[in-house]
Amino acid sequence: MKTTLSLAGLLSLIFSGSLFAQQSFERKNVFLSAGPVFFGQTLDLTLTGEYGISSKIGVGLRVTGGHLISRSGYSGIHTAAFANYYGLTSAQFDPYVGLAVGKTTYVREVQGSDNYAGFRVSLQAGVRYWVTRRLGVYAHGLVGLRRDVLPVAEAGLTMNLAH
C-alpha cells in the first residue's frame, strides 16, 4: 500500500499544474526536438533546435536525414531555417504556424547516380504537448510552396532546456 501511495503521489506531482510554467513557450526558451519524419516513400530522422526571440515568435534550425527506410532508392538530407508564430499557447499546449526555408539534397543509392539539390520554401504547422514542464511530445507538418515538394509529417519527443 505504501508503494501505491508513493506512485500515486509521484504521478500527481508529474501531472499537476504546479510543474508547468504559466506559458510553455516563452522568450529565451530553448527547445530541442527529435523524431521520425515521413517524407514521400522514406522514413528519416529529424533534429530541431528552436529559440524564443519573443513571447510569440521562435526561430530555429532543422536537419532531416538518416535514411531509416527508403522505398524510392534515394537518400537525402534537408536543412532548413524557420520562424514560428505561437498565438494560442497554454501551460501544456504550444500550437504554432510558420515558414521554413531550406535546401534538400538527394542521392540515388543504386547504380547510375542520380543527384538532386533544390531550394525549398514550406509552410509549417504543429503542436507541442508538455507532459512535464521540460519533456513533451510534438506533431508537425510541412507543405511545400512548389508542386514538386512533397508534404512532410513528423512526430517525436521535445525538450524545453530553459526551465
C-alpha atoms as a PDB file:
ATOM      1  CA  MET A   1       0.000   0.000   0.000  1.00  0.00           C
ATOM      2  CA  LYS A   2       2.860   2.370   0.747  1.00  0.00           C
ATOM      3  CA  THR A   3       4.248   1.781  -2.786  1.00  0.00           C
ATOM      4  CA  THR A   4       0.834   2.558  -4.295  1.00  0.00           C
ATOM      5  CA  LEU A   5       0.594   5.826  -2.368  1.00  0.00           C
ATOM      6  CA  SER A   6       4.124   6.799  -3.356  1.00  0.00           C
ATOM      7  CA  LEU A   7       3.431   6.020  -7.017  1.00  0.00           C
ATOM      8  CA  ALA A   8       0.177   7.987  -6.873  1.00  0.00           C
ATOM      9  CA  GLY A   9       1.987  10.909  -5.238  1.00  0.00           C
ATOM     10  CA  LEU A  10       4.710  10.851  -7.889  1.00  0.00           C
ATOM     11  CA  LEU A  11       2.188  10.728 -10.743  1.00  0.00           C
ATOM     12  CA  SER A  12       0.157  13.589  -9.273  1.00  0.00           C
ATOM     13  CA  LEU A  13       3.342  15.667  -8.948  1.00  0.00           C
ATOM     14  CA  ILE A  14       4.365  14.932 -12.557  1.00  0.00           C
ATOM     15  CA  PHE A  15       0.958  15.784 -13.987  1.00  0.00           C
ATOM     16  CA  SER A  16      -0.038  18.617 -11.638  1.00  0.00           C
ATOM     17  CA  GLY A  17      -0.251  22.200 -12.843  1.00  0.00           C
ATOM     18  CA  SER A  18       2.449  23.240 -10.357  1.00  0.00           C
ATOM     19  CA  LEU A  19       5.096  21.630 -12.550  1.00  0.00           C
ATOM     20  CA  PHE A  20       4.220  23.806 -15.531  1.00  0.00           C
ATOM     21  CA  ALA A  21       5.161  27.361 -16.302  1.00  0.00           C
ATOM     22  CA  GLN A  22       2.339  29.842 -16.813  1.00  0.00           C
ATOM     23  CA  GLN A  23       3.077  29.625 -20.517  1.00  0.00           C
ATOM     24  CA  SER A  24       5.274  26.924 -22.017  1.00  0.00           C
ATOM     25  CA  PHE A  25       6.603  28.941 -24.992  1.00  0.00           C
ATOM     26  CA  GLU A  26       8.443  31.982 -23.673  1.00  0.00           C
ATOM     27  CA  ARG A  27      11.146  34.400 -24.746  1.00  0.00           C
ATOM     28  CA  LYS A  28      14.682  32.985 -24.362  1.00  0.00           C
ATOM     29  CA  ASN A  29      13.481  29.376 -24.033  1.00  0.00           C
ATOM     30  CA  VAL A  30      15.470  26.785 -25.970  1.00  0.00           C
ATOM     31  CA  PHE A  31      13.685  23.748 -27.388  1.00  0.00           C
ATOM     32  CA  LEU A  32      15.238  20.565 -28.785  1.00  0.00           C
ATOM     33  CA  SER A  33      13.129  18.010 -30.660  1.00  0.00           C
ATOM     34  CA  ALA A  34      13.793  14.700 -32.392  1.00  0.00           C
ATOM     35  CA  GLY A  35      11.578  12.222 -34.157  1.00  0.00           C
ATOM     36  CA  PRO A  36      10.837  10.209 -37.288  1.00  0.00           C
ATOM     37  CA  VAL A  37       9.816  12.042 -40.471  1.00  0.00           C
ATOM     38  CA  PHE A  38       7.542  10.561 -43.118  1.00  0.00           C
ATOM     39  CA  PHE A  39       8.616  12.115 -46.406  1.00  0.00           C
ATOM     40  CA  GLY A  40       7.123  10.578 -49.541  1.00  0.00           C
ATOM     41  CA  GLN A  41       8.329   6.958 -49.578  1.00  0.00           C
ATOM     42  CA  THR A  42      11.050   7.440 -46.984  1.00  0.00           C
ATOM     43  CA  LEU A  43      11.298   7.429 -43.214  1.00  0.00           C
ATOM     44  CA  ASP A  44      14.063   9.692 -41.916  1.00  0.00           C
ATOM     45  CA  LEU A  45      15.057  11.252 -38.616  1.00  0.00           C
ATOM     46  CA  THR A  46      14.786  14.953 -37.829  1.00  0.00           C
ATOM     47  CA  LEU A  47      16.614  17.037 -35.223  1.00  0.00           C
ATOM     48  CA  THR A  48      15.332  20.530 -34.448  1.00  0.00           C
ATOM     49  CA  GLY A  49      16.532  23.379 -32.260  1.00  0.00           C
ATOM     50  CA  GLU A  50      14.419  26.474 -31.607  1.00  0.00           C
ATOM     51  CA  TYR A  51      14.931  29.680 -29.625  1.00  0.00           C
ATOM     52  CA  GLY A  52      12.173  32.039 -28.429  1.00  0.00           C
ATOM     53  CA  ILE A  53      13.104  35.539 -29.617  1.00  0.00           C
ATOM     54  CA  SER A  54       9.847  36.890 -28.134  1.00  0.00           C
ATOM     55  CA  SER A  55       6.859  35.516 -26.255  1.00  0.00           C
ATOM     56  CA  LYS A  56       5.176  34.695 -29.599  1.00  0.00           C
ATOM     57  CA  ILE A  57       7.996  34.071 -32.123  1.00  0.00           C
ATOM     58  CA  GLY A  58      10.599  31.327 -32.275  1.00  0.00           C
ATOM     59  CA  VAL A  59      13.419  30.823 -34.774  1.00  0.00           C
ATOM     60  CA  GLY A  60      15.423  27.694 -35.332  1.00  0.00           C
ATOM     61  CA  LEU A  61      17.229  25.145 -37.460  1.00  0.00           C
ATOM     62  CA  ARG A  62      16.111  21.701 -38.606  1.00  0.00           C
ATOM     63  CA  VAL A  63      18.191  18.882 -40.068  1.00  0.00           C
ATOM     64  CA  THR A  64      16.447  15.874 -41.563  1.00  0.00           C
ATOM     65  CA  GLY A  65      18.168  12.753 -42.884  1.00  0.00           C
ATOM     66  CA  GLY A  66      19.334   9.430 -41.605  1.00  0.00           C
ATOM     67  CA  HIS A  67      17.582   7.321 -44.229  1.00  0.00           C
ATOM     68  CA  LEU A  68      15.876   4.843 -41.919  1.00  0.00           C
ATOM     69  CA  ILE A  69      13.640   3.409 -44.684  1.00  0.00           C
ATOM     70  CA  SER A  70      13.515   4.305 -48.382  1.00  0.00           C
ATOM     71  CA  ARG A  71      11.387   2.563 -50.987  1.00  0.00           C
ATOM     72  CA  SER A  72      12.406   5.026 -53.672  1.00  0.00           C
ATOM     73  CA  GLY A  73      16.119   4.175 -53.658  1.00  0.00           C
ATOM     74  CA  TYR A  74      17.028   7.735 -52.650  1.00  0.00           C
ATOM     75  CA  SER A  75      18.645   9.036 -49.509  1.00  0.00           C
ATOM     76  CA  GLY A  76      18.974  12.662 -48.669  1.00  0.00           C
ATOM     77  CA  ILE A  77      19.441  15.444 -46.224  1.00  0.00           C
ATOM     78  CA  HIS A  78      17.324  18.518 -45.734  1.00  0.00           C
ATOM     79  CA  THR A  79      18.469  21.563 -43.764  1.00  0.00           C
ATOM     80  CA  ALA A  80      16.189  24.489 -43.022  1.00  0.00           C
ATOM     81  CA  ALA A  81      15.944  27.693 -41.068  1.00  0.00           C
ATOM     82  CA  PHE A  82      12.476  28.570 -39.833  1.00  0.00           C
ATOM     83  CA  ALA A  83      10.346  31.036 -37.908  1.00  0.00           C
ATOM     84  CA  ASN A  84       7.214  30.029 -35.984  1.00  0.00           C
ATOM     85  CA  TYR A  85       4.372  32.075 -34.545  1.00  0.00           C
ATOM     86  CA  TYR A  86       2.835  30.890 -31.241  1.00  0.00           C
ATOM     87  CA  GLY A  87      -0.503  32.641 -30.869  1.00  0.00           C
ATOM     88  CA  LEU A  88      -2.503  30.432 -28.510  1.00  0.00           C
ATOM     89  CA  THR A  89      -0.049  28.814 -26.114  1.00  0.00           C
ATOM     90  CA  SER A  90      -1.005  27.495 -22.698  1.00  0.00           C
ATOM     91  CA  ALA A  91       0.831  25.713 -19.899  1.00  0.00           C
ATOM     92  CA  GLN A  92       0.689  22.389 -21.748  1.00  0.00           C
ATOM     93  CA  PHE A  93      -0.001  23.169 -25.422  1.00  0.00           C
ATOM     94  CA  ASP A  94       2.142  25.100 -27.893  1.00  0.00           C
ATOM     95  CA  PRO A  95       0.346  25.240 -31.277  1.00  0.00           C
ATOM     96  CA  TYR A  96       2.244  27.122 -33.982  1.00  0.00           C
ATOM     97  CA  VAL A  97       2.364  28.076 -37.648  1.00  0.00           C
ATOM     98  CA  GLY A  98       5.467  29.121 -39.506  1.00  0.00           C
ATOM     99  CA  LEU A  99       7.633  29.375 -42.580  1.00  0.00           C
ATOM    100  CA  ALA A 100      10.709  27.266 -43.341  1.00  0.00           C
ATOM    101  CA  VAL A 101      13.392  27.963 -45.946  1.00  0.00           C
ATOM    102  CA  GLY A 102      15.991  25.343 -46.720  1.00  0.00           C
ATOM    103  CA  LYS A 103      17.904  23.127 -49.093  1.00  0.00           C
ATOM    104  CA  THR A 104      17.259  19.494 -49.931  1.00  0.00           C
ATOM    105  CA  THR A 105      19.897  17.208 -51.462  1.00  0.00           C
ATOM    106  CA  TYR A 106      19.107  13.675 -52.669  1.00  0.00           C
ATOM    107  CA  VAL A 107      21.426  10.967 -53.928  1.00  0.00           C
ATOM    108  CA  ARG A 108      20.190   7.822 -55.674  1.00  0.00           C
ATOM    109  CA  GLU A 109      21.619   4.772 -53.910  1.00  0.00           C
ATOM    110  CA  VAL A 110      21.700   2.443 -56.902  1.00  0.00           C
ATOM    111  CA  GLN A 111      23.964   2.467 -59.960  1.00  0.00           C
ATOM    112  CA  GLY A 112      23.774   5.425 -62.285  1.00  0.00           C
ATOM    113  CA  SER A 113      23.967   8.020 -59.542  1.00  0.00           C
ATOM    114  CA  ASP A 114      21.105  10.461 -59.890  1.00  0.00           C
ATOM    115  CA  ASN A 115      21.562  13.533 -57.687  1.00  0.00           C
ATOM    116  CA  TYR A 116      19.143  16.312 -56.857  1.00  0.00           C
ATOM    117  CA  ALA A 117      19.621  19.521 -54.922  1.00  0.00           C
ATOM    118  CA  GLY A 118      16.878  22.062 -54.518  1.00  0.00           C
ATOM    119  CA  PHE A 119      15.815  25.118 -52.620  1.00  0.00           C
ATOM    120  CA  ARG A 120      12.652  24.655 -50.573  1.00  0.00           C
ATOM    121  CA  VAL A 121      10.151  27.077 -49.036  1.00  0.00           C
ATOM    122  CA  SER A 122       7.438  25.493 -46.888  1.00  0.00           C
ATOM    123  CA  LEU A 123       4.534  26.431 -44.688  1.00  0.00           C
ATOM    124  CA  GLN A 124       4.556  24.506 -41.431  1.00  0.00           C
ATOM    125  CA  ALA A 125       2.212  23.915 -38.533  1.00  0.00           C
ATOM    126  CA  GLY A 126       2.341  21.806 -35.421  1.00  0.00           C
ATOM    127  CA  VAL A 127       1.713  21.445 -31.737  1.00  0.00           C
ATOM    128  CA  ARG A 128       3.763  20.520 -28.690  1.00  0.00           C
ATOM    129  CA  TYR A 129       2.103  18.851 -25.708  1.00  0.00           C
ATOM    130  CA  TRP A 130       4.085  19.101 -22.469  1.00  0.00           C
ATOM    131  CA  VAL A 131       3.865  16.071 -20.180  1.00  0.00           C
ATOM    132  CA  THR A 132       6.048  17.948 -17.691  1.00  0.00           C
ATOM    133  CA  ARG A 133       7.488  21.453 -17.978  1.00  0.00           C
ATOM    134  CA  ARG A 134      10.675  20.011 -19.533  1.00  0.00           C
ATOM    135  CA  LEU A 135       9.519  16.990 -21.559  1.00  0.00           C
ATOM    136  CA  GLY A 136       6.795  16.686 -24.166  1.00  0.00           C
ATOM    137  CA  VAL A 137       5.689  15.225 -27.468  1.00  0.00           C
ATOM    138  CA  TYR A 138       5.062  17.013 -30.745  1.00  0.00           C
ATOM    139  CA  ALA A 139       3.402  16.596 -34.130  1.00  0.00           C
ATOM    140  CA  HIS A 140       4.465  18.705 -37.088  1.00  0.00           C
ATOM    141  CA  GLY A 141       3.660  19.026 -40.774  1.00  0.00           C
ATOM    142  CA  LEU A 142       5.151  20.857 -43.761  1.00  0.00           C
ATOM    143  CA  VAL A 143       3.634  21.712 -47.109  1.00  0.00           C
ATOM    144  CA  GLY A 144       5.953  22.959 -49.846  1.00  0.00           C
ATOM    145  CA  LEU A 145       5.088  26.075 -51.830  1.00  0.00           C
ATOM    146  CA  ARG A 146       6.118  24.348 -55.095  1.00  0.00           C
ATOM    147  CA  ARG A 147       4.257  21.416 -56.641  1.00  0.00           C
ATOM    148  CA  ASP A 148       7.344  19.168 -56.732  1.00  0.00           C
ATOM    149  CA  VAL A 149       7.843  19.364 -52.943  1.00  0.00           C
ATOM    150  CA  LEU A 150       6.122  16.531 -51.085  1.00  0.00           C
ATOM    151  CA  PRO A 151       4.215  17.120 -47.837  1.00  0.00           C
ATOM    152  CA  VAL A 152       6.056  16.029 -44.698  1.00  0.00           C
ATOM    153  CA  ALA A 153       4.649  14.680 -41.421  1.00  0.00           C
ATOM    154  CA  GLU A 154       6.668  14.074 -38.256  1.00  0.00           C
ATOM    155  CA  ALA A 155       6.154  13.371 -34.573  1.00  0.00           C
ATOM    156  CA  GLY A 156       8.510  12.802 -31.671  1.00  0.00           C
ATOM    157  CA  LEU A 157       9.868  13.971 -28.357  1.00  0.00           C
ATOM    158  CA  THR A 158      10.652  17.559 -27.402  1.00  0.00           C
ATOM    159  CA  MET A 159      12.542  19.090 -24.512  1.00  0.00           C
ATOM    160  CA  ASN A 160      12.486  22.594 -23.022  1.00  0.00           C
ATOM    161  CA  LEU A 161      16.018  23.417 -21.818  1.00  0.00           C
ATOM    162  CA  ALA A 162      15.184  26.779 -20.237  1.00  0.00           C
ATOM    163  CA  HIS A 163      13.220  25.552 -17.206  1.00  0.00           C
END
